[in-house]
PDB file of N, CA and C in Angstrom:
ATOM      1  N   UNK A   1     -59.669  44.254  96.298  1.00  0.00           N
ATOM      2  CA  UNK A   1     -59.414  45.201  95.207  1.00  0.00           C
ATOM      3  C   UNK A   1     -60.690  45.890  94.805  1.00  0.00           C
ATOM      4  N   UNK A   2     -60.492  47.070  94.343  1.00  0.00           N
ATOM      5  CA  UNK A   2     -61.653  47.830  93.876  1.00  0.00           C
ATOM      6  C   UNK A   2     -61.980  47.412  92.426  1.00  0.00           C
ATOM      7  N   UNK A   3     -63.155  47.757  92.031  1.00  0.00           N
ATOM      8  CA  UNK A   3     -63.567  47.433  90.657  1.00  0.00           C
ATOM      9  C   UNK A   3     -62.649  48.086  89.645  1.00  0.00           C
ATOM     10  N   UNK A   4     -62.209  49.292  89.945  1.00  0.00           N
ATOM     11  CA  UNK A   4     -61.327  50.010  89.024  1.00  0.00           C
ATOM     12  C   UNK A   4     -59.981  49.254  88.875  1.00  0.00           C
ATOM     13  N   UNK A   5     -59.453  48.765  90.006  1.00  0.00           N
ATOM     14  CA  UNK A   5     -58.166  47.987  89.926  1.00  0.00           C
ATOM     15  C   UNK A   5     -58.372  46.664  89.219  1.00  0.00           C
ATOM     16  N   UNK A   6     -59.452  45.993  89.488  1.00  0.00           N
ATOM     17  CA  UNK A   6     -59.722  44.728  88.789  1.00  0.00           C
ATOM     18  C   UNK A   6     -59.826  44.931  87.281  1.00  0.00           C
ATOM     19  N   UNK A   7     -60.456  45.988  86.891  1.00  0.00           N
ATOM     20  CA  UNK A   7     -60.574  46.286  85.474  1.00  0.00           C
ATOM     21  C   UNK A   7     -59.217  46.543  84.850  1.00  0.00           C
ATOM     22  N   UNK A   8     -58.368  47.312  85.555  1.00  0.00           N
ATOM     23  CA  UNK A   8     -57.028  47.628  85.057  1.00  0.00           C
ATOM     24  C   UNK A   8     -56.191  46.336  84.974  1.00  0.00           C
ATOM     25  N   UNK A   9     -56.239  45.492  85.973  1.00  0.00           N
ATOM     26  CA  UNK A   9     -55.497  44.221  85.984  1.00  0.00           C
ATOM     27  C   UNK A   9     -55.951  43.346  84.812  1.00  0.00           C
ATOM     28  N   UNK A  10     -57.259  43.252  84.581  1.00  0.00           N
ATOM     29  CA  UNK A  10     -57.756  42.449  83.491  1.00  0.00           C
ATOM     30  C   UNK A  10     -57.329  43.003  82.136  1.00  0.00           C
ATOM     31  N   UNK A  11     -57.312  44.330  81.997  1.00  0.00           N
ATOM     32  CA  UNK A  11     -56.899  44.967  80.746  1.00  0.00           C
ATOM     33  C   UNK A  11     -55.437  44.688  80.458  1.00  0.00           C
ATOM     34  N   UNK A  12     -54.565  44.835  81.502  1.00  0.00           N
ATOM     35  CA  UNK A  12     -53.130  44.596  81.331  1.00  0.00           C
ATOM     36  C   UNK A  12     -52.883  43.123  80.991  1.00  0.00           C
ATOM     37  N   UNK A  13     -53.585  42.222  81.670  1.00  0.00           N
ATOM     38  CA  UNK A  13     -53.414  40.766  81.380  1.00  0.00           C
ATOM     39  C   UNK A  13     -53.848  40.470  79.965  1.00  0.00           C
ATOM     40  N   UNK A  14     -54.902  41.067  79.494  1.00  0.00           N
ATOM     41  CA  UNK A  14     -55.364  40.838  78.150  1.00  0.00           C
ATOM     42  C   UNK A  14     -54.365  41.327  77.090  1.00  0.00           C
ATOM     43  N   UNK A  15     -53.793  42.495  77.293  1.00  0.00           N
ATOM     44  CA  UNK A  15     -52.798  43.032  76.383  1.00  0.00           C
ATOM     45  C   UNK A  15     -51.550  42.145  76.360  1.00  0.00           C
ATOM     46  N   UNK A  16     -51.100  41.749  77.564  1.00  0.00           N
ATOM     47  CA  UNK A  16     -49.913  40.896  77.672  1.00  0.00           C
ATOM     48  C   UNK A  16     -50.168  39.567  77.003  1.00  0.00           C
ATOM     49  N   UNK A  17     -51.319  38.991  77.248  1.00  0.00           N
ATOM     50  CA  UNK A  17     -51.663  37.685  76.619  1.00  0.00           C
ATOM     51  C   UNK A  17     -51.704  37.785  75.114  1.00  0.00           C
ATOM     52  N   UNK A  18     -52.241  38.863  74.572  1.00  0.00           N
ATOM     53  CA  UNK A  18     -52.303  39.027  73.113  1.00  0.00           C
ATOM     54  C   UNK A  18     -50.894  39.167  72.529  1.00  0.00           C
ATOM     55  N   UNK A  19     -50.011  39.873  73.234  1.00  0.00           N
ATOM     56  CA  UNK A  19     -48.639  40.013  72.761  1.00  0.00           C
ATOM     57  C   UNK A  19     -47.902  38.682  72.725  1.00  0.00           C
ATOM     58  N   UNK A  20     -48.070  37.880  73.769  1.00  0.00           N
ATOM     59  CA  UNK A  20     -47.463  36.556  73.808  1.00  0.00           C
ATOM     60  C   UNK A  20     -48.027  35.677  72.737  1.00  0.00           C
ATOM     61  N   UNK A  21     -49.313  35.714  72.521  1.00  0.00           N
ATOM     62  CA  UNK A  21     -49.953  34.905  71.489  1.00  0.00           C
ATOM     63  C   UNK A  21     -49.475  35.314  70.100  1.00  0.00           C
ATOM     64  N   UNK A  22     -49.321  36.601  69.845  1.00  0.00           N
ATOM     65  CA  UNK A  22     -48.836  37.085  68.548  1.00  0.00           C
ATOM     66  C   UNK A  22     -47.406  36.601  68.295  1.00  0.00           C
ATOM     67  N   UNK A  23     -46.569  36.606  69.342  1.00  0.00           N
ATOM     68  CA  UNK A  23     -45.194  36.121  69.171  1.00  0.00           C
ATOM     69  C   UNK A  23     -45.194  34.631  68.856  1.00  0.00           C
ATOM     70  N   UNK A  24     -46.006  33.857  69.514  1.00  0.00           N
ATOM     71  CA  UNK A  24     -46.051  32.430  69.315  1.00  0.00           C
ATOM     72  C   UNK A  24     -46.539  32.086  67.904  1.00  0.00           C
ATOM     73  N   UNK A  25     -47.518  32.826  67.423  1.00  0.00           N
ATOM     74  CA  UNK A  25     -48.012  32.517  66.092  1.00  0.00           C
ATOM     75  C   UNK A  25     -47.129  33.044  64.994  1.00  0.00           C
ATOM     76  N   UNK A  26     -46.167  33.925  65.304  1.00  0.00           N
ATOM     77  CA  UNK A  26     -45.250  34.472  64.325  1.00  0.00           C
ATOM     78  C   UNK A  26     -44.087  33.525  64.042  1.00  0.00           C
ATOM     79  N   UNK A  27     -43.975  32.424  64.784  1.00  0.00           N
ATOM     80  CA  UNK A  27     -42.914  31.475  64.520  1.00  0.00           C
ATOM     81  C   UNK A  27     -43.042  30.951  63.092  1.00  0.00           C
ATOM     82  N   UNK A  28     -41.940  30.866  62.365  1.00  0.00           N
ATOM     83  CA  UNK A  28     -42.011  30.420  60.972  1.00  0.00           C
ATOM     84  C   UNK A  28     -42.440  28.949  60.861  1.00  0.00           C
ATOM     85  N   UNK A  29     -43.293  28.702  59.848  1.00  0.00           N
ATOM     86  CA  UNK A  29     -43.710  27.316  59.584  1.00  0.00           C
ATOM     87  C   UNK A  29     -42.563  26.611  58.870  1.00  0.00           C
ATOM     88  N   UNK A  30     -42.434  25.319  59.075  1.00  0.00           N
ATOM     89  CA  UNK A  30     -41.396  24.611  58.341  1.00  0.00           C
ATOM     90  C   UNK A  30     -41.749  24.587  56.837  1.00  0.00           C
ATOM     91  N   UNK A  31     -40.725  24.712  56.005  1.00  0.00           N
ATOM     92  CA  UNK A  31     -40.915  24.644  54.592  1.00  0.00           C
ATOM     93  C   UNK A  31     -40.958  23.168  54.160  1.00  0.00           C
ATOM     94  N   UNK A  32     -41.726  22.885  53.124  1.00  0.00           N
ATOM     95  CA  UNK A  32     -41.717  21.565  52.529  1.00  0.00           C
ATOM     96  C   UNK A  32     -40.905  21.666  51.244  1.00  0.00           C
ATOM     97  N   UNK A  33     -39.777  20.984  51.226  1.00  0.00           N
ATOM     98  CA  UNK A  33     -38.791  21.108  50.165  1.00  0.00           C
ATOM     99  C   UNK A  33     -38.841  19.840  49.285  1.00  0.00           C
ATOM    100  N   UNK A  34     -39.230  19.964  47.998  1.00  0.00           N
ATOM    101  CA  UNK A  34     -39.379  18.791  47.163  1.00  0.00           C
ATOM    102  C   UNK A  34     -38.041  18.286  46.594  1.00  0.00           C
ATOM    103  N   UNK A  35     -37.962  16.958  46.466  1.00  0.00           N
ATOM    104  CA  UNK A  35     -36.869  16.307  45.744  1.00  0.00           C
ATOM    105  C   UNK A  35     -37.519  15.255  44.879  1.00  0.00           C
ATOM    106  N   UNK A  36     -37.296  15.322  43.582  1.00  0.00           N
ATOM    107  CA  UNK A  36     -37.883  14.364  42.646  1.00  0.00           C
ATOM    108  C   UNK A  36     -36.874  13.254  42.380  1.00  0.00           C
ATOM    109  N   UNK A  37     -37.393  12.024  42.321  1.00  0.00           N
ATOM    110  CA  UNK A  37     -36.575  10.875  41.928  1.00  0.00           C
ATOM    111  C   UNK A  37     -37.078  10.516  40.528  1.00  0.00           C
ATOM    112  N   UNK A  38     -36.174  10.482  39.556  1.00  0.00           N
ATOM    113  CA  UNK A  38     -36.556  10.105  38.193  1.00  0.00           C
ATOM    114  C   UNK A  38     -35.364   9.468  37.509  1.00  0.00           C
ATOM    115  N   UNK A  39     -35.622   8.424  36.748  1.00  0.00           N
ATOM    116  CA  UNK A  39     -34.581   7.677  36.010  1.00  0.00           C
ATOM    117  C   UNK A  39     -33.486   7.216  36.930  1.00  0.00           C
ATOM    118  N   UNK A  40     -33.882   6.696  38.068  1.00  0.00           N
ATOM    119  CA  UNK A  40     -32.986   6.124  39.076  1.00  0.00           C
ATOM    120  C   UNK A  40     -31.930   7.154  39.511  1.00  0.00           C
ATOM    121  N   UNK A  41     -32.400   8.373  39.848  1.00  0.00           N
ATOM    122  CA  UNK A  41     -31.501   9.416  40.314  1.00  0.00           C
ATOM    123  C   UNK A  41     -32.295  10.424  41.143  1.00  0.00           C
ATOM    124  N   UNK A  42     -31.635  10.965  42.165  1.00  0.00           N
ATOM    125  CA  UNK A  42     -32.178  12.110  42.881  1.00  0.00           C
ATOM    126  C   UNK A  42     -31.898  13.306  41.998  1.00  0.00           C
ATOM    127  N   UNK A  43     -32.901  14.026  41.556  1.00  0.00           N
ATOM    128  CA  UNK A  43     -32.712  15.114  40.574  1.00  0.00           C
ATOM    129  C   UNK A  43     -32.155  16.381  41.220  1.00  0.00           C
ATOM    130  N   UNK A  44     -32.121  16.421  42.554  1.00  0.00           N
ATOM    131  CA  UNK A  44     -31.515  17.538  43.259  1.00  0.00           C
ATOM    132  C   UNK A  44     -30.341  16.934  44.071  1.00  0.00           C
ATOM    133  N   UNK A  45     -29.131  16.903  43.484  1.00  0.00           N
ATOM    134  CA  UNK A  45     -28.007  16.236  44.165  1.00  0.00           C
ATOM    135  C   UNK A  45     -27.528  16.949  45.408  1.00  0.00           C
ATOM    136  N   UNK A  46     -27.746  18.281  45.491  1.00  0.00           N
ATOM    137  CA  UNK A  46     -27.373  19.038  46.683  1.00  0.00           C
ATOM    138  C   UNK A  46     -28.502  19.965  47.049  1.00  0.00           C
ATOM    139  N   UNK A  47     -28.836  19.972  48.338  1.00  0.00           N
ATOM    140  CA  UNK A  47     -30.008  20.705  48.815  1.00  0.00           C
ATOM    141  C   UNK A  47     -29.604  21.390  50.097  1.00  0.00           C
ATOM    142  N   UNK A  48     -30.164  22.620  50.335  1.00  0.00           N
ATOM    143  CA  UNK A  48     -29.934  23.353  51.577  1.00  0.00           C
ATOM    144  C   UNK A  48     -31.283  23.662  52.171  1.00  0.00           C
ATOM    145  N   UNK A  49     -31.488  23.229  53.455  1.00  0.00           N
ATOM    146  CA  UNK A  49     -32.739  23.476  54.156  1.00  0.00           C
ATOM    147  C   UNK A  49     -32.413  23.958  55.570  1.00  0.00           C
ATOM    148  N   UNK A  50     -33.452  24.355  56.291  1.00  0.00           N
ATOM    149  CA  UNK A  50     -33.291  24.784  57.686  1.00  0.00           C
ATOM    150  C   UNK A  50     -33.723  23.650  58.597  1.00  0.00           C
ATOM    151  N   UNK A  51     -33.176  23.700  59.841  1.00  0.00           N
ATOM    152  CA  UNK A  51     -33.633  22.745  60.862  1.00  0.00           C
ATOM    153  C   UNK A  51     -35.148  22.891  61.005  1.00  0.00           C
ATOM    154  N   UNK A  52     -35.858  21.777  60.983  1.00  0.00           N
ATOM    155  CA  UNK A  52     -37.301  21.774  61.117  1.00  0.00           C
ATOM    156  C   UNK A  52     -38.004  21.706  59.778  1.00  0.00           C
ATOM    157  N   UNK A  53     -37.329  21.990  58.672  1.00  0.00           N
ATOM    158  CA  UNK A  53     -37.950  21.855  57.375  1.00  0.00           C
ATOM    159  C   UNK A  53     -38.196  20.397  57.039  1.00  0.00           C
ATOM    160  N   UNK A  54     -39.106  20.218  56.128  1.00  0.00           N
ATOM    161  CA  UNK A  54     -39.524  18.867  55.745  1.00  0.00           C
ATOM    162  C   UNK A  54     -39.086  18.633  54.280  1.00  0.00           C
ATOM    163  N   UNK A  55     -38.328  17.567  54.074  1.00  0.00           N
ATOM    164  CA  UNK A  55     -37.957  17.179  52.723  1.00  0.00           C
ATOM    165  C   UNK A  55     -38.964  16.142  52.245  1.00  0.00           C
ATOM    166  N   UNK A  56     -39.494  16.379  51.069  1.00  0.00           N
ATOM    167  CA  UNK A  56     -40.502  15.456  50.486  1.00  0.00           C
ATOM    168  C   UNK A  56     -39.938  14.889  49.176  1.00  0.00           C
ATOM    169  N   UNK A  57     -39.677  13.578  49.191  1.00  0.00           N
ATOM    170  CA  UNK A  57     -39.193  12.896  48.017  1.00  0.00           C
ATOM    171  C   UNK A  57     -40.397  12.374  47.223  1.00  0.00           C
ATOM    172  N   UNK A  58     -40.409  12.649  45.910  1.00  0.00           N
ATOM    173  CA  UNK A  58     -41.425  12.140  45.023  1.00  0.00           C
ATOM    174  C   UNK A  58     -40.774  11.191  44.054  1.00  0.00           C
ATOM    175  N   UNK A  59     -41.208   9.943  44.086  1.00  0.00           N
ATOM    176  CA  UNK A  59     -40.646   8.911  43.239  1.00  0.00           C
ATOM    177  C   UNK A  59     -41.457   8.797  41.929  1.00  0.00           C
ATOM    178  N   UNK A  60     -40.856   9.252  40.844  1.00  0.00           N
ATOM    179  CA  UNK A  60     -41.539   9.196  39.531  1.00  0.00           C
ATOM    180  C   UNK A  60     -41.122   7.938  38.743  1.00  0.00           C
ATOM    181  N   UNK A  61     -40.304   7.099  39.363  1.00  0.00           N
ATOM    182  CA  UNK A  61     -39.912   5.838  38.732  1.00  0.00           C
ATOM    183  C   UNK A  61     -40.976   4.760  38.940  1.00  0.00           C
ATOM    184  N   UNK A  62     -40.817   3.659  38.250  1.00  0.00           N
ATOM    185  CA  UNK A  62     -41.751   2.528  38.399  1.00  0.00           C
ATOM    186  C   UNK A  62     -41.222   1.486  39.395  1.00  0.00           C
ATOM    187  N   UNK A  63     -40.135   1.819  40.057  1.00  0.00           N
ATOM    188  CA  UNK A  63     -39.552   0.960  41.090  1.00  0.00           C
ATOM    189  C   UNK A  63     -39.407   1.730  42.370  1.00  0.00           C
ATOM    190  N   UNK A  64     -39.346   0.991  43.519  1.00  0.00           N
ATOM    191  CA  UNK A  64     -39.192   1.633  44.842  1.00  0.00           C
ATOM    192  C   UNK A  64     -37.777   2.122  45.017  1.00  0.00           C
ATOM    193  N   UNK A  65     -37.641   3.140  45.871  1.00  0.00           N
ATOM    194  CA  UNK A  65     -36.344   3.681  46.271  1.00  0.00           C
ATOM    195  C   UNK A  65     -36.358   3.975  47.784  1.00  0.00           C
ATOM    196  N   UNK A  66     -35.213   4.307  48.314  1.00  0.00           N
ATOM    197  CA  UNK A  66     -35.137   4.808  49.697  1.00  0.00           C
ATOM    198  C   UNK A  66     -34.355   6.073  49.718  1.00  0.00           C
ATOM    199  N   UNK A  67     -34.493   6.818  50.784  1.00  0.00           N
ATOM    200  CA  UNK A  67     -33.609   7.931  51.116  1.00  0.00           C
ATOM    201  C   UNK A  67     -33.037   7.560  52.489  1.00  0.00           C
ATOM    202  N   UNK A  68     -31.783   7.207  52.460  1.00  0.00           N
ATOM    203  CA  UNK A  68     -31.133   6.678  53.663  1.00  0.00           C
ATOM    204  C   UNK A  68     -29.925   7.530  54.017  1.00  0.00           C
ATOM    205  N   UNK A  69     -29.980   8.185  55.165  1.00  0.00           N
ATOM    206  CA  UNK A  69     -28.892   9.020  55.621  1.00  0.00           C
ATOM    207  C   UNK A  69     -27.703   8.124  56.046  1.00  0.00           C
ATOM    208  N   UNK A  70     -26.520   8.446  55.525  1.00  0.00           N
ATOM    209  CA  UNK A  70     -25.327   7.677  55.938  1.00  0.00           C
ATOM    210  C   UNK A  70     -25.018   7.867  57.409  1.00  0.00           C
ATOM    211  N   UNK A  71     -25.495   8.997  57.982  1.00  0.00           N
ATOM    212  CA  UNK A  71     -25.258   9.301  59.398  1.00  0.00           C
ATOM    213  C   UNK A  71     -26.344   8.710  60.299  1.00  0.00           C
ATOM    214  N   UNK A  72     -27.330   8.029  59.717  1.00  0.00           N
ATOM    215  CA  UNK A  72     -28.387   7.429  60.491  1.00  0.00           C
ATOM    216  C   UNK A  72     -29.482   8.407  60.941  1.00  0.00           C
ATOM    217  N   UNK A  73     -29.572   9.566  60.291  1.00  0.00           N
ATOM    218  CA  UNK A  73     -30.552  10.597  60.702  1.00  0.00           C
ATOM    219  C   UNK A  73     -31.965  10.269  60.197  1.00  0.00           C
ATOM    220  N   UNK A  74     -32.097   9.590  59.079  1.00  0.00           N
ATOM    221  CA  UNK A  74     -33.386   9.192  58.551  1.00  0.00           C
ATOM    222  C   UNK A  74     -33.220   8.028  57.610  1.00  0.00           C
ATOM    223  N   UNK A  75     -34.251   7.279  57.434  1.00  0.00           N
ATOM    224  CA  UNK A  75     -34.249   6.155  56.469  1.00  0.00           C
ATOM    225  C   UNK A  75     -35.722   5.944  56.090  1.00  0.00           C
ATOM    226  N   UNK A  76     -36.098   6.414  54.893  1.00  0.00           N
ATOM    227  CA  UNK A  76     -37.475   6.283  54.452  1.00  0.00           C
ATOM    228  C   UNK A  76     -37.544   5.564  53.130  1.00  0.00           C
ATOM    229  N   UNK A  77     -38.597   4.827  52.936  1.00  0.00           N
ATOM    230  CA  UNK A  77     -38.856   4.148  51.655  1.00  0.00           C
ATOM    231  C   UNK A  77     -39.845   4.986  50.848  1.00  0.00           C
ATOM    232  N   UNK A  78     -39.550   5.144  49.570  1.00  0.00           N
ATOM    233  CA  UNK A  78     -40.432   5.903  48.691  1.00  0.00           C
ATOM    234  C   UNK A  78     -40.913   4.925  47.611  1.00  0.00           C
ATOM    235  N   UNK A  79     -42.159   4.444  47.803  1.00  0.00           N
ATOM    236  CA  UNK A  79     -42.696   3.499  46.821  1.00  0.00           C
ATOM    237  C   UNK A  79     -42.846   4.162  45.434  1.00  0.00           C
ATOM    238  N   UNK A  80     -42.826   3.334  44.405  1.00  0.00           N
ATOM    239  CA  UNK A  80     -43.005   3.812  43.030  1.00  0.00           C
ATOM    240  C   UNK A  80     -44.263   4.664  42.915  1.00  0.00           C
ATOM    241  N   UNK A  81     -44.131   5.835  42.321  1.00  0.00           N
ATOM    242  CA  UNK A  81     -45.277   6.706  42.114  1.00  0.00           C
ATOM    243  C   UNK A  81     -45.806   7.414  43.341  1.00  0.00           C
ATOM    244  N   UNK A  82     -45.073   7.325  44.429  1.00  0.00           N
ATOM    245  CA  UNK A  82     -45.554   7.953  45.689  1.00  0.00           C
ATOM    246  C   UNK A  82     -44.610   9.002  46.225  1.00  0.00           C
ATOM    247  N   UNK A  83     -45.026   9.677  47.305  1.00  0.00           N
ATOM    248  CA  UNK A  83     -44.214  10.659  47.995  1.00  0.00           C
ATOM    249  C   UNK A  83     -43.987  10.235  49.432  1.00  0.00           C
ATOM    250  N   UNK A  84     -42.860  10.599  49.978  1.00  0.00           N
ATOM    251  CA  UNK A  84     -42.545  10.320  51.398  1.00  0.00           C
ATOM    252  C   UNK A  84     -41.811  11.547  51.947  1.00  0.00           C
ATOM    253  N   UNK A  85     -42.024  11.821  53.211  1.00  0.00           N
ATOM    254  CA  UNK A  85     -41.419  12.990  53.883  1.00  0.00           C
ATOM    255  C   UNK A  85     -40.558  12.588  55.058  1.00  0.00           C
ATOM    256  N   UNK A  86     -39.584  13.475  55.377  1.00  0.00           N
ATOM    257  CA  UNK A  86     -38.771  13.372  56.567  1.00  0.00           C
ATOM    258  C   UNK A  86     -38.466  14.792  57.058  1.00  0.00           C
ATOM    259  N   UNK A  87     -38.588  14.990  58.348  1.00  0.00           N
ATOM    260  CA  UNK A  87     -38.259  16.302  58.963  1.00  0.00           C
ATOM    261  C   UNK A  87     -36.802  16.337  59.304  1.00  0.00           C
ATOM    262  N   UNK A  88     -36.118  17.395  58.904  1.00  0.00           N
ATOM    263  CA  UNK A  88     -34.687  17.557  59.175  1.00  0.00           C
ATOM    264  C   UNK A  88     -34.573  18.182  60.561  1.00  0.00           C
ATOM    265  N   UNK A  89     -34.122  17.371  61.525  1.00  0.00           N
ATOM    266  CA  UNK A  89     -34.086  17.790  62.942  1.00  0.00           C
ATOM    267  C   UNK A  89     -32.743  18.266  63.436  1.00  0.00           C
ATOM    268  N   UNK A  90     -31.673  17.973  62.719  1.00  0.00           N
ATOM    269  CA  UNK A  90     -30.326  18.263  63.222  1.00  0.00           C
ATOM    270  C   UNK A  90     -29.541  19.046  62.169  1.00  0.00           C
ATOM    271  N   UNK A  91     -28.827  20.074  62.610  1.00  0.00           N
ATOM    272  CA  UNK A  91     -27.979  20.847  61.697  1.00  0.00           C
ATOM    273  C   UNK A  91     -26.780  20.020  61.316  1.00  0.00           C
ATOM    274  N   UNK A  92     -26.335  20.192  60.091  1.00  0.00           N
ATOM    275  CA  UNK A  92     -25.136  19.495  59.589  1.00  0.00           C
ATOM    276  C   UNK A  92     -25.277  19.221  58.119  1.00  0.00           C
ATOM    277  N   UNK A  93     -24.270  18.590  57.533  1.00  0.00           N
ATOM    278  CA  UNK A  93     -24.323  18.205  56.133  1.00  0.00           C
ATOM    279  C   UNK A  93     -24.388  16.676  56.094  1.00  0.00           C
ATOM    280  N   UNK A  94     -25.405  16.170  55.421  1.00  0.00           N
ATOM    281  CA  UNK A  94     -25.670  14.750  55.435  1.00  0.00           C
ATOM    282  C   UNK A  94     -25.725  14.173  54.014  1.00  0.00           C
ATOM    283  N   UNK A  95     -24.892  13.200  53.788  1.00  0.00           N
ATOM    284  CA  UNK A  95     -24.940  12.453  52.544  1.00  0.00           C
ATOM    285  C   UNK A  95     -25.995  11.380  52.702  1.00  0.00           C
ATOM    286  N   UNK A  96     -26.703  11.114  51.589  1.00  0.00           N
ATOM    287  CA  UNK A  96     -27.700  10.019  51.642  1.00  0.00           C
ATOM    288  C   UNK A  96     -27.714   9.278  50.319  1.00  0.00           C
ATOM    289  N   UNK A  97     -28.356   8.140  50.332  1.00  0.00           N
ATOM    290  CA  UNK A  97     -28.332   7.230  49.146  1.00  0.00           C
ATOM    291  C   UNK A  97     -29.619   6.391  49.165  1.00  0.00           C
ATOM    292  N   UNK A  98     -29.790   5.637  48.086  1.00  0.00           N
ATOM    293  CA  UNK A  98     -30.882   4.646  48.027  1.00  0.00           C
ATOM    294  C   UNK A  98     -30.281   3.288  48.366  1.00  0.00           C
ATOM    295  N   UNK A  99     -30.840   2.618  49.365  1.00  0.00           N
ATOM    296  CA  UNK A  99     -30.330   1.291  49.758  1.00  0.00           C
ATOM    297  C   UNK A  99     -30.480   0.275  48.647  1.00  0.00           C
ATOM    298  N   UNK A 100     -31.510   0.434  47.767  1.00  0.00           N
ATOM    299  CA  UNK A 100     -31.751  -0.489  46.683  1.00  0.00           C
ATOM    300  C   UNK A 100     -30.846  -0.213  45.470  1.00  0.00           C
ATOM    301  N   UNK A 101     -30.387   1.016  45.377  1.00  0.00           N
ATOM    302  CA  UNK A 101     -29.543   1.444  44.247  1.00  0.00           C
ATOM    303  C   UNK A 101     -28.456   2.368  44.781  1.00  0.00           C
ATOM    304  N   UNK A 102     -27.386   1.784  45.367  1.00  0.00           N
ATOM    305  CA  UNK A 102     -26.359   2.578  46.079  1.00  0.00           C
ATOM    306  C   UNK A 102     -25.646   3.639  45.232  1.00  0.00           C
ATOM    307  N   UNK A 103     -25.774   3.540  43.904  1.00  0.00           N
ATOM    308  CA  UNK A 103     -25.195   4.602  43.051  1.00  0.00           C
ATOM    309  C   UNK A 103     -25.999   5.854  43.074  1.00  0.00           C
ATOM    310  N   UNK A 104     -27.233   5.815  43.632  1.00  0.00           N
ATOM    311  CA  UNK A 104     -28.067   7.016  43.773  1.00  0.00           C
ATOM    312  C   UNK A 104     -27.624   7.719  45.039  1.00  0.00           C
ATOM    313  N   UNK A 105     -27.007   8.863  44.905  1.00  0.00           N
ATOM    314  CA  UNK A 105     -26.520   9.592  46.072  1.00  0.00           C
ATOM    315  C   UNK A 105     -26.895  11.083  45.973  1.00  0.00           C
ATOM    316  N   UNK A 106     -26.944  11.722  47.131  1.00  0.00           N
ATOM    317  CA  UNK A 106     -27.222  13.155  47.184  1.00  0.00           C
ATOM    318  C   UNK A 106     -26.777  13.667  48.563  1.00  0.00           C
ATOM    319  N   UNK A 107     -26.926  14.973  48.774  1.00  0.00           N
ATOM    320  CA  UNK A 107     -26.456  15.589  50.001  1.00  0.00           C
ATOM    321  C   UNK A 107     -27.463  16.668  50.411  1.00  0.00           C
ATOM    322  N   UNK A 108     -27.721  16.743  51.727  1.00  0.00           N
ATOM    323  CA  UNK A 108     -28.539  17.800  52.291  1.00  0.00           C
ATOM    324  C   UNK A 108     -27.762  18.550  53.354  1.00  0.00           C
ATOM    325  N   UNK A 109     -27.660  19.888  53.169  1.00  0.00           N
ATOM    326  CA  UNK A 109     -27.072  20.743  54.194  1.00  0.00           C
ATOM    327  C   UNK A 109     -28.237  21.302  55.012  1.00  0.00           C
ATOM    328  N   UNK A 110     -28.229  21.016  56.329  1.00  0.00           N
ATOM    329  CA  UNK A 110     -29.285  21.518  57.229  1.00  0.00           C
ATOM    330  C   UNK A 110     -28.681  22.580  58.090  1.00  0.00           C
ATOM    331  N   UNK A 111     -29.214  23.799  57.977  1.00  0.00           N
ATOM    332  CA  UNK A 111     -28.663  24.931  58.746  1.00  0.00           C
ATOM    333  C   UNK A 111     -29.676  25.408  59.780  1.00  0.00           C
ATOM    334  N   UNK A 112     -29.164  26.124  60.797  1.00  0.00           N
ATOM    335  CA  UNK A 112     -30.016  26.635  61.830  1.00  0.00           C
ATOM    336  C   UNK A 112     -30.786  27.852  61.363  1.00  0.00           C
TER     337      UNK A 112
END
C-alpha cells in the first residue's frame, strides 16, 4: 500500500472506532432506587424499575430485616441502620417480604 492509502485506512479506522466507542459509552447507567424501611414497614409498597436497575434498601429500624423475593429472584439481609442493594435482572412483577417479619410486604415491577 502507498503512504496515502495507509493514511486513509488509518483515518477511517479511527473515525469508526470513535463512533463505536461513543455508542458504547452512551448506554444508560443503572439507576439506584431507594426503599426505606421504617417502623417495621417498607415505606414504598409498590415500586417500578427497569431491568438492570439497583434497588437499595435502607433500614432505619433498630432491628434487622430482609428483602426476600417470593419468586426466588433475590434474598438480602438489611442489618439495623445499614443499606443493602440488589440488581433487578429479570423483567416481571415480584412480591417480596421480610423473612423475620412476614407482615412486611411490598412489590417491585421490573420493566425492560
